[in-house]
């Protein structure tokens, strides 16, 4: 599989080949607009290829793992709140008993 950098390099070589053909053989006035459009499209493609690969597609497994992680965090927070409420209740009982 080609890397993104290899793909960009190959597209740049293609763009250079187009310029070389134009320089060596020329194009007639009827072909010039088509050549310019093709060259601009190629330049746009090269410019718009991101240097980082796209993110991995979302899968059921990835969603489940994220949800499970959030549930685990939520369980810890709930346990912390219960412990805090228990400590507060015990403090109130101790204060009212005194």
PDB file of N, CA and C in Angstrom:
ATOM      1  N   UNK A   1       0.843  -1.168   0.000  1.00  0.00           N
ATOM      2  CA  UNK A   1       0.000   0.000   0.000  1.00  0.00           C
ATOM      3  C   UNK A   1       0.894   1.239   0.000  1.00  0.00           C
ATOM      4  N   UNK A   2       0.528   2.230  -0.782  1.00  0.00           N
ATOM      5  CA  UNK A   2       1.295   3.460  -0.852  1.00  0.00           C
ATOM      6  C   UNK A   2       1.008   4.334   0.350  1.00  0.00           C
ATOM      7  N   UNK A   3       2.031   5.013   0.812  1.00  0.00           N
ATOM      8  CA  UNK A   3       1.814   5.981   1.872  1.00  0.00           C
ATOM      9  C   UNK A   3       1.296   7.267   1.250  1.00  0.00           C
ATOM     10  N   UNK A   4       0.810   8.149   2.083  1.00  0.00           N
ATOM     11  CA  UNK A   4       0.296   9.426   1.588  1.00  0.00           C
ATOM     12  C   UNK A   4       1.413  10.206   0.900  1.00  0.00           C
ATOM     13  N   UNK A   5       2.602  10.194   1.493  1.00  0.00           N
ATOM     14  CA  UNK A   5       3.728  10.912   0.903  1.00  0.00           C
ATOM     15  C   UNK A   5       4.103  10.338  -0.461  1.00  0.00           C
ATOM     16  N   UNK A   6       4.066   9.005  -0.577  1.00  0.00           N
ATOM     17  CA  UNK A   6       4.370   8.383  -1.866  1.00  0.00           C
ATOM     18  C   UNK A   6       3.331   8.763  -2.913  1.00  0.00           C
ATOM     19  N   UNK A   7       2.085   8.796  -2.509  1.00  0.00           N
ATOM     20  CA  UNK A   7       1.013   9.168  -3.430  1.00  0.00           C
ATOM     21  C   UNK A   7       1.189  10.601  -3.909  1.00  0.00           C
ATOM     22  N   UNK A   8       1.480  11.507  -2.983  1.00  0.00           N
ATOM     23  CA  UNK A   8       1.705  12.899  -3.371  1.00  0.00           C
ATOM     24  C   UNK A   8       2.897  13.014  -4.321  1.00  0.00           C
ATOM     25  N   UNK A   9       3.965  12.279  -4.048  1.00  0.00           N
ATOM     26  CA  UNK A   9       5.139  12.326  -4.912  1.00  0.00           C
ATOM     27  C   UNK A   9       4.806  11.822  -6.317  1.00  0.00           C
ATOM     28  N   UNK A  10       4.017  10.768  -6.407  1.00  0.00           N
ATOM     29  CA  UNK A  10       3.629  10.232  -7.716  1.00  0.00           C
ATOM     30  C   UNK A  10       2.741  11.208  -8.476  1.00  0.00           C
ATOM     31  N   UNK A  11       1.841  11.891  -7.755  1.00  0.00           N
ATOM     32  CA  UNK A  11       0.993  12.889  -8.401  1.00  0.00           C
ATOM     33  C   UNK A  11       1.815  14.089  -8.873  1.00  0.00           C
ATOM     34  N   UNK A  12       2.806  14.479  -8.058  1.00  0.00           N
ATOM     35  CA  UNK A  12       3.689  15.577  -8.478  1.00  0.00           C
ATOM     36  C   UNK A  12       4.478  15.187  -9.732  1.00  0.00           C
ATOM     37  N   UNK A  13       4.912  13.936  -9.804  1.00  0.00           N
ATOM     38  CA  UNK A  13       5.618  13.456 -10.997  1.00  0.00           C
ATOM     39  C   UNK A  13       4.701  13.491 -12.215  1.00  0.00           C
ATOM     40  N   UNK A  14       3.438  13.155 -12.014  1.00  0.00           N
ATOM     41  CA  UNK A  14       2.466  13.232 -13.108  1.00  0.00           C
ATOM     42  C   UNK A  14       2.285  14.676 -13.560  1.00  0.00           C
ATOM     43  N   UNK A  15       2.194  15.601 -12.602  1.00  0.00           N
ATOM     44  CA  UNK A  15       2.057  17.021 -12.945  1.00  0.00           C
ATOM     45  C   UNK A  15       3.279  17.495 -13.728  1.00  0.00           C
ATOM     46  N   UNK A  16       4.467  17.066 -13.307  1.00  0.00           N
ATOM     47  CA  UNK A  16       5.694  17.431 -14.015  1.00  0.00           C
ATOM     48  C   UNK A  16       5.691  16.843 -15.431  1.00  0.00           C
ATOM     49  N   UNK A  17       5.200  15.632 -15.564  1.00  0.00           N
ATOM     50  CA  UNK A  17       5.110  15.014 -16.891  1.00  0.00           C
ATOM     51  C   UNK A  17       4.175  15.804 -17.790  1.00  0.00           C
ATOM     52  N   UNK A  18       3.085  16.312 -17.240  1.00  0.00           N
ATOM     53  CA  UNK A  18       2.158  17.123 -18.035  1.00  0.00           C
ATOM     54  C   UNK A  18       2.846  18.395 -18.527  1.00  0.00           C
ATOM     55  N   UNK A  19       3.625  19.020 -17.660  1.00  0.00           N
ATOM     56  CA  UNK A  19       4.341  20.236 -18.055  1.00  0.00           C
ATOM     57  C   UNK A  19       5.379  19.908 -19.123  1.00  0.00           C
ATOM     58  N   UNK A  20       6.056  18.782 -18.957  1.00  0.00           N
ATOM     59  CA  UNK A  20       7.071  18.368 -19.933  1.00  0.00           C
ATOM     60  C   UNK A  20       6.433  18.128 -21.295  1.00  0.00           C
ATOM     61  N   UNK A  21       5.286  17.470 -21.303  1.00  0.00           N
ATOM     62  CA  UNK A  21       4.578  17.239 -22.573  1.00  0.00           C
ATOM     63  C   UNK A  21       4.190  18.558 -23.207  1.00  0.00           C
ATOM     64  N   UNK A  22       3.700  19.486 -22.384  1.00  0.00           N
ATOM     65  CA  UNK A  22       3.325  20.797 -22.900  1.00  0.00           C
ATOM     66  C   UNK A  22       4.539  21.498 -23.491  1.00  0.00           C
ATOM     67  N   UNK A  23       5.665  21.459 -22.765  1.00  0.00           N
ATOM     68  CA  UNK A  23       6.879  22.117 -23.243  1.00  0.00           C
ATOM     69  C   UNK A  23       7.420  21.478 -24.521  1.00  0.00           C
ATOM     70  N   UNK A  24       7.388  20.138 -24.581  1.00  0.00           N
ATOM     71  CA  UNK A  24       7.991  19.440 -25.728  1.00  0.00           C
ATOM     72  C   UNK A  24       7.086  19.389 -26.956  1.00  0.00           C
ATOM     73  N   UNK A  25       5.786  19.257 -26.729  1.00  0.00           N
ATOM     74  CA  UNK A  25       4.888  19.047 -27.865  1.00  0.00           C
ATOM     75  C   UNK A  25       3.866  20.160 -28.030  1.00  0.00           C
ATOM     76  N   UNK A  26       3.603  20.881 -26.957  1.00  0.00           N
ATOM     77  CA  UNK A  26       2.611  21.948 -27.020  1.00  0.00           C
ATOM     78  C   UNK A  26       1.205  21.396 -27.132  1.00  0.00           C
ATOM     79  N   UNK A  27       0.265  22.278 -26.998  1.00  0.00           N
ATOM     80  CA  UNK A  27      -1.133  21.922 -27.211  1.00  0.00           C
ATOM     81  C   UNK A  27      -1.740  23.019 -28.064  1.00  0.00           C
ATOM     82  N   UNK A  28      -2.731  22.640 -28.859  1.00  0.00           N
ATOM     83  CA  UNK A  28      -3.345  23.666 -29.705  1.00  0.00           C
ATOM     84  C   UNK A  28      -4.373  24.451 -28.894  1.00  0.00           C
ATOM     85  N   UNK A  29      -4.901  25.469 -29.466  1.00  0.00           N
ATOM     86  CA  UNK A  29      -5.815  26.355 -28.731  1.00  0.00           C
ATOM     87  C   UNK A  29      -7.086  25.632 -28.290  1.00  0.00           C
ATOM     88  N   UNK A  30      -7.494  24.601 -29.011  1.00  0.00           N
ATOM     89  CA  UNK A  30      -8.672  23.834 -28.609  1.00  0.00           C
ATOM     90  C   UNK A  30      -8.372  22.962 -27.384  1.00  0.00           C
ATOM     91  N   UNK A  31      -7.134  22.504 -27.267  1.00  0.00           N
ATOM     92  CA  UNK A  31      -6.751  21.636 -26.164  1.00  0.00           C
ATOM     93  C   UNK A  31      -6.338  22.413 -24.908  1.00  0.00           C
ATOM     94  N   UNK A  32      -5.959  23.668 -25.075  1.00  0.00           N
ATOM     95  CA  UNK A  32      -5.431  24.441 -23.960  1.00  0.00           C
ATOM     96  C   UNK A  32      -6.399  24.525 -22.776  1.00  0.00           C
ATOM     97  N   UNK A  33      -7.696  24.813 -22.964  1.00  0.00           N
ATOM     98  CA  UNK A  33      -8.599  24.875 -21.803  1.00  0.00           C
ATOM     99  C   UNK A  33      -8.695  23.534 -21.074  1.00  0.00           C
ATOM    100  N   UNK A  34      -8.748  22.440 -21.828  1.00  0.00           N
ATOM    101  CA  UNK A  34      -8.814  21.125 -21.203  1.00  0.00           C
ATOM    102  C   UNK A  34      -7.529  20.827 -20.434  1.00  0.00           C
ATOM    103  N   UNK A  35      -6.390  21.195 -21.018  1.00  0.00           N
ATOM    104  CA  UNK A  35      -5.107  21.000 -20.339  1.00  0.00           C
ATOM    105  C   UNK A  35      -5.079  21.805 -19.041  1.00  0.00           C
ATOM    106  N   UNK A  36      -5.496  23.071 -19.105  1.00  0.00           N
ATOM    107  CA  UNK A  36      -5.480  23.928 -17.919  1.00  0.00           C
ATOM    108  C   UNK A  36      -6.398  23.382 -16.823  1.00  0.00           C
ATOM    109  N   UNK A  37      -7.567  22.881 -17.215  1.00  0.00           N
ATOM    110  CA  UNK A  37      -8.503  22.309 -16.240  1.00  0.00           C
ATOM    111  C   UNK A  37      -7.902  21.063 -15.598  1.00  0.00           C
ATOM    112  N   UNK A  38      -7.329  20.194 -16.422  1.00  0.00           N
ATOM    113  CA  UNK A  38      -6.722  18.959 -15.891  1.00  0.00           C
ATOM    114  C   UNK A  38      -5.564  19.291 -14.967  1.00  0.00           C
ATOM    115  N   UNK A  39      -4.757  20.245 -15.354  1.00  0.00           N
ATOM    116  CA  UNK A  39      -3.610  20.629 -14.523  1.00  0.00           C
ATOM    117  C   UNK A  39      -4.083  21.226 -13.190  1.00  0.00           C
ATOM    118  N   UNK A  40      -5.120  22.078 -13.234  1.00  0.00           N
ATOM    119  CA  UNK A  40      -5.645  22.688 -12.005  1.00  0.00           C
ATOM    120  C   UNK A  40      -6.272  21.635 -11.098  1.00  0.00           C
ATOM    121  N   UNK A  41      -6.990  20.684 -11.680  1.00  0.00           N
ATOM    122  CA  UNK A  41      -7.576  19.607 -10.880  1.00  0.00           C
ATOM    123  C   UNK A  41      -6.483  18.779 -10.207  1.00  0.00           C
ATOM    124  N   UNK A  42      -5.423  18.498 -10.927  1.00  0.00           N
ATOM    125  CA  UNK A  42      -4.313  17.739 -10.354  1.00  0.00           C
ATOM    126  C   UNK A  42      -3.658  18.526  -9.223  1.00  0.00           C
ATOM    127  N   UNK A  43      -3.434  19.816  -9.439  1.00  0.00           N
ATOM    128  CA  UNK A  43      -2.860  20.656  -8.377  1.00  0.00           C
ATOM    129  C   UNK A  43      -3.768  20.690  -7.151  1.00  0.00           C
ATOM    130  N   UNK A  44      -5.077  20.771  -7.372  1.00  0.00           N
ATOM    131  CA  UNK A  44      -6.033  20.780  -6.257  1.00  0.00           C
ATOM    132  C   UNK A  44      -6.005  19.461  -5.485  1.00  0.00           C
ATOM    133  N   UNK A  45      -5.925  18.364  -6.217  1.00  0.00           N
ATOM    134  CA  UNK A  45      -5.870  17.052  -5.565  1.00  0.00           C
ATOM    135  C   UNK A  45      -4.622  16.955  -4.690  1.00  0.00           C
ATOM    136  N   UNK A  46      -3.484  17.364  -5.237  1.00  0.00           N
ATOM    137  CA  UNK A  46      -2.233  17.316  -4.472  1.00  0.00           C
ATOM    138  C   UNK A  46      -2.340  18.203  -3.235  1.00  0.00           C
ATOM    139  N   UNK A  47      -2.883  19.399  -3.407  1.00  0.00           N
ATOM    140  CA  UNK A  47      -2.981  20.343  -2.285  1.00  0.00           C
ATOM    141  C   UNK A  47      -3.942  19.857  -1.207  1.00  0.00           C
ATOM    142  N   UNK A  48      -4.959  19.113  -1.588  1.00  0.00           N
ATOM    143  CA  UNK A  48      -5.991  18.711  -0.634  1.00  0.00           C
ATOM    144  C   UNK A  48      -5.763  17.347   0.003  1.00  0.00           C
ATOM    145  N   UNK A  49      -4.701  16.675  -0.383  1.00  0.00           N
ATOM    146  CA  UNK A  49      -4.403  15.402   0.268  1.00  0.00           C
ATOM    147  C   UNK A  49      -3.796  15.725   1.619  1.00  0.00           C
ATOM    148  N   UNK A  50      -4.453  15.289   2.650  1.00  0.00           N
ATOM    149  CA  UNK A  50      -3.948  15.542   4.008  1.00  0.00           C
ATOM    150  C   UNK A  50      -2.690  14.716   4.238  1.00  0.00           C
ATOM    151  N   UNK A  51      -1.789  15.264   5.052  1.00  0.00           N
ATOM    152  CA  UNK A  51      -0.558  14.541   5.358  1.00  0.00           C
ATOM    153  C   UNK A  51      -0.761  13.474   6.419  1.00  0.00           C
ATOM    154  N   UNK A  52      -1.920  13.463   7.026  1.00  0.00           N
ATOM    155  CA  UNK A  52      -2.222  12.431   8.021  1.00  0.00           C
ATOM    156  C   UNK A  52      -3.339  11.557   7.476  1.00  0.00           C
ATOM    157  N   UNK A  53      -3.304  10.289   7.776  1.00  0.00           N
ATOM    158  CA  UNK A  53      -4.352   9.409   7.267  1.00  0.00           C
ATOM    159  C   UNK A  53      -5.696   9.748   7.916  1.00  0.00           C
ATOM    160  N   UNK A  54      -6.769   9.425   7.244  1.00  0.00           N
ATOM    161  CA  UNK A  54      -8.085   9.698   7.833  1.00  0.00           C
ATOM    162  C   UNK A  54      -8.284   8.849   9.079  1.00  0.00           C
ATOM    163  N   UNK A  55      -9.177   9.280   9.970  1.00  0.00           N
ATOM    164  CA  UNK A  55      -9.413   8.488  11.177  1.00  0.00           C
ATOM    165  C   UNK A  55     -10.013   7.132  10.820  1.00  0.00           C
ATOM    166  N   UNK A  56      -9.815   6.205  11.719  1.00  0.00           N
ATOM    167  CA  UNK A  56     -10.369   4.876  11.489  1.00  0.00           C
ATOM    168  C   UNK A  56     -11.897   4.968  11.510  1.00  0.00           C
ATOM    169  N   UNK A  57     -12.548   4.116  10.745  1.00  0.00           N
ATOM    170  CA  UNK A  57     -14.015   4.155  10.753  1.00  0.00           C
ATOM    171  C   UNK A  57     -14.567   3.751  12.122  1.00  0.00           C
ATOM    172  N   UNK A  58     -15.727   4.278  12.436  1.00  0.00           N
ATOM    173  CA  UNK A  58     -16.372   3.951  13.704  1.00  0.00           C
ATOM    174  C   UNK A  58     -16.948   2.539  13.593  1.00  0.00           C
ATOM    175  N   UNK A  59     -16.635   1.717  14.584  1.00  0.00           N
ATOM    176  CA  UNK A  59     -17.148   0.356  14.616  1.00  0.00           C
ATOM    177  C   UNK A  59     -17.966   0.170  15.885  1.00  0.00           C
ATOM    178  N   UNK A  60     -18.733  -0.881  15.917  1.00  0.00           N
ATOM    179  CA  UNK A  60     -19.513  -1.190  17.112  1.00  0.00           C
ATOM    180  C   UNK A  60     -18.586  -1.387  18.301  1.00  0.00           C
ATOM    181  N   UNK A  61     -17.469  -2.076  18.062  1.00  0.00           N
ATOM    182  CA  UNK A  61     -16.524  -2.336  19.146  1.00  0.00           C
ATOM    183  C   UNK A  61     -15.964  -1.040  19.725  1.00  0.00           C
ATOM    184  N   UNK A  62     -15.640  -0.074  18.836  1.00  0.00           N
ATOM    185  CA  UNK A  62     -15.079   1.186  19.332  1.00  0.00           C
ATOM    186  C   UNK A  62     -16.110   1.974  20.130  1.00  0.00           C
ATOM    187  N   UNK A  63     -17.361   1.943  19.694  1.00  0.00           N
ATOM    188  CA  UNK A  63     -18.420   2.640  20.431  1.00  0.00           C
ATOM    189  C   UNK A  63     -18.633   1.981  21.785  1.00  0.00           C
ATOM    190  N   UNK A  64     -18.693   0.663  21.806  1.00  0.00           N
ATOM    191  CA  UNK A  64     -18.902  -0.062  23.060  1.00  0.00           C
ATOM    192  C   UNK A  64     -17.759   0.219  24.034  1.00  0.00           C
ATOM    193  N   UNK A  65     -16.528   0.236  23.550  1.00  0.00           N
ATOM    194  CA  UNK A  65     -15.397   0.483  24.448  1.00  0.00           C
ATOM    195  C   UNK A  65     -15.440   1.892  25.022  1.00  0.00           C
ATOM    196  N   UNK A  66     -15.836   2.878  24.221  1.00  0.00           N
ATOM    197  CA  UNK A  66     -15.941   4.250  24.720  1.00  0.00           C
ATOM    198  C   UNK A  66     -17.061   4.354  25.743  1.00  0.00           C
ATOM    199  N   UNK A  67     -18.222   3.759  25.442  1.00  0.00           N
ATOM    200  CA  UNK A  67     -19.347   3.795  26.377  1.00  0.00           C
ATOM    201  C   UNK A  67     -18.978   3.079  27.678  1.00  0.00           C
ATOM    202  N   UNK A  68     -18.312   1.953  27.579  1.00  0.00           N
ATOM    203  CA  UNK A  68     -17.906   1.212  28.773  1.00  0.00           C
ATOM    204  C   UNK A  68     -16.947   2.036  29.623  1.00  0.00           C
ATOM    205  N   UNK A  69     -16.039   2.750  28.972  1.00  0.00           N
ATOM    206  CA  UNK A  69     -15.100   3.598  29.714  1.00  0.00           C
ATOM    207  C   UNK A  69     -15.853   4.706  30.450  1.00  0.00           C
ATOM    208  N   UNK A  70     -16.843   5.295  29.775  1.00  0.00           N
ATOM    209  CA  UNK A  70     -17.631   6.349  30.419  1.00  0.00           C
ATOM    210  C   UNK A  70     -18.474   5.794  31.564  1.00  0.00           C
ATOM    211  N   UNK A  71     -18.996   4.602  31.385  1.00  0.00           N
ATOM    212  CA  UNK A  71     -19.776   3.981  32.465  1.00  0.00           C
ATOM    213  C   UNK A  71     -18.874   3.714  33.659  1.00  0.00           C
ATOM    214  N   UNK A  72     -17.661   3.233  33.404  1.00  0.00           N
ATOM    215  CA  UNK A  72     -16.709   3.002  34.488  1.00  0.00           C
ATOM    216  C   UNK A  72     -16.402   4.293  35.237  1.00  0.00           C
ATOM    217  N   UNK A  73     -16.198   5.382  34.491  1.00  0.00           N
ATOM    218  CA  UNK A  73     -15.952   6.684  35.118  1.00  0.00           C
ATOM    219  C   UNK A  73     -17.168   7.122  35.917  1.00  0.00           C
ATOM    220  N   UNK A  74     -18.344   6.904  35.364  1.00  0.00           N
ATOM    221  CA  UNK A  74     -19.584   7.290  36.045  1.00  0.00           C
ATOM    222  C   UNK A  74     -19.776   6.478  37.321  1.00  0.00           C
ATOM    223  N   UNK A  75     -19.463   5.188  37.272  1.00  0.00           N
ATOM    224  CA  UNK A  75     -19.568   4.345  38.474  1.00  0.00           C
ATOM    225  C   UNK A  75     -18.643   4.862  39.574  1.00  0.00           C
ATOM    226  N   UNK A  76     -17.427   5.244  39.193  1.00  0.00           N
ATOM    227  CA  UNK A  76     -16.488   5.784  40.186  1.00  0.00           C
ATOM    228  C   UNK A  76     -17.019   7.076  40.795  1.00  0.00           C
ATOM    229  N   UNK A  77     -17.592   7.935  39.969  1.00  0.00           N
ATOM    230  CA  UNK A  77     -18.137   9.200  40.472  1.00  0.00           C
ATOM    231  C   UNK A  77     -19.335   8.957  41.388  1.00  0.00           C
ATOM    232  N   UNK A  78     -20.180   8.011  41.012  1.00  0.00           N
ATOM    233  CA  UNK A  78     -21.344   7.690  41.852  1.00  0.00           C
ATOM    234  C   UNK A  78     -20.878   7.118  43.181  1.00  0.00           C
ATOM    235  N   UNK A  79     -19.900   6.224  43.144  1.00  0.00           N
ATOM    236  CA  UNK A  79     -19.356   5.669  44.397  1.00  0.00           C
ATOM    237  C   UNK A  79     -18.781   6.777  45.267  1.00  0.00           C
ATOM    238  N   UNK A  80     -18.086   7.730  44.665  1.00  0.00           N
ATOM    239  CA  UNK A  80     -17.541   8.856  45.410  1.00  0.00           C
ATOM    240  C   UNK A  80     -18.628   9.707  46.035  1.00  0.00           C
ATOM    241  N   UNK A  81     -19.705   9.949  45.288  1.00  0.00           N
ATOM    242  CA  UNK A  81     -20.826  10.731  45.824  1.00  0.00           C
ATOM    243  C   UNK A  81     -21.525   9.998  46.965  1.00  0.00           C
ATOM    244  N   UNK A  82     -21.677   8.680  46.843  1.00  0.00           N
ATOM    245  CA  UNK A  82     -22.296   7.891  47.916  1.00  0.00           C
ATOM    246  C   UNK A  82     -21.429   7.956  49.172  1.00  0.00           C
ATOM    247  N   UNK A  83     -20.119   7.811  48.984  1.00  0.00           N
ATOM    248  CA  UNK A  83     -19.214   7.889  50.140  1.00  0.00           C
ATOM    249  C   UNK A  83     -19.276   9.275  50.780  1.00  0.00           C
ATOM    250  N   UNK A  84     -19.340  10.306  49.962  1.00  0.00           N
ATOM    251  CA  UNK A  84     -19.435  11.668  50.486  1.00  0.00           C
ATOM    252  C   UNK A  84     -20.750  11.868  51.230  1.00  0.00           C
ATOM    253  N   UNK A  85     -21.844  11.362  50.675  1.00  0.00           N
ATOM    254  CA  UNK A  85     -23.153  11.486  51.333  1.00  0.00           C
ATOM    255  C   UNK A  85     -23.164  10.711  52.643  1.00  0.00           C
ATOM    256  N   UNK A  86     -22.571   9.517  52.642  1.00  0.00           N
ATOM    257  CA  UNK A  86     -22.500   8.732  53.874  1.00  0.00           C
ATOM    258  C   UNK A  86     -21.680   9.461  54.945  1.00  0.00           C
ATOM    259  N   UNK A  87     -20.563  10.030  54.534  1.00  0.00           N
ATOM    260  CA  UNK A  87     -19.723  10.758  55.487  1.00  0.00           C
ATOM    261  C   UNK A  87     -20.464  11.975  56.026  1.00  0.00           C
ATOM    262  N   UNK A  88     -21.208  12.643  55.174  1.00  0.00           N
ATOM    263  CA  UNK A  88     -21.979  13.815  55.603  1.00  0.00           C
ATOM    264  C   UNK A  88     -23.080  13.392  56.582  1.00  0.00           C
ATOM    265  N   UNK A  89     -23.752  12.287  56.254  1.00  0.00           N
ATOM    266  CA  UNK A  89     -24.807  11.786  57.141  1.00  0.00           C
ATOM    267  C   UNK A  89     -24.251  11.383  58.500  1.00  0.00           C
ATOM    268  N   UNK A  90     -23.104  10.721  58.500  1.00  0.00           N
ATOM    269  CA  UNK A  90     -22.473  10.322  59.757  1.00  0.00           C
ATOM    270  C   UNK A  90     -22.048  11.557  60.562  1.00  0.00           C
ATOM    271  N   UNK A  91     -21.557  12.572  59.868  1.00  0.00           N
ATOM    272  CA  UNK A  91     -21.166  13.801  60.571  1.00  0.00           C
ATOM    273  C   UNK A  91     -22.385  14.490  61.193  1.00  0.00           C
ATOM    274  N   UNK A  92     -23.504  14.483  60.466  1.00  0.00           N
ATOM    275  CA  UNK A  92     -24.712  15.094  60.999  1.00  0.00           C
ATOM    276  C   UNK A  92     -25.226  14.301  62.210  1.00  0.00           C
ATOM    277  N   UNK A  93     -25.180  12.970  62.121  1.00  0.00           N
ATOM    278  CA  UNK A  93     -25.614  12.145  63.237  1.00  0.00           C
ATOM    279  C   UNK A  93     -24.724  12.375  64.468  1.00  0.00           C
ATOM    280  N   UNK A  94     -23.435  12.491  64.221  1.00  0.00           N
ATOM    281  CA  UNK A  94     -22.505  12.721  65.322  1.00  0.00           C
ATOM    282  C   UNK A  94     -22.746  14.096  65.944  1.00  0.00           C
ATOM    283  N   UNK A  95     -23.047  15.074  65.111  1.00  0.00           N
ATOM    284  CA  UNK A  95     -23.280  16.433  65.603  1.00  0.00           C
ATOM    285  C   UNK A  95     -24.587  16.500  66.395  1.00  0.00           C
ATOM    286  N   UNK A  96     -25.618  15.789  65.941  1.00  0.00           N
ATOM    287  CA  UNK A  96     -26.890  15.824  66.653  1.00  0.00           C
ATOM    288  C   UNK A  96     -26.855  14.984  67.940  1.00  0.00           C
ATOM    289  N   UNK A  97     -25.987  13.973  67.960  1.00  0.00           N
ATOM    290  CA  UNK A  97     -25.851  13.149  69.166  1.00  0.00           C
ATOM    291  C   UNK A  97     -25.081  13.901  70.229  1.00  0.00           C
ATOM    292  N   UNK A  98     -24.258  14.848  69.827  1.00  0.00           N
ATOM    293  CA  UNK A  98     -23.424  15.567  70.818  1.00  0.00           C
ATOM    294  C   UNK A  98     -24.151  16.678  71.493  1.00  0.00           C
TER     295      UNK A  98
END
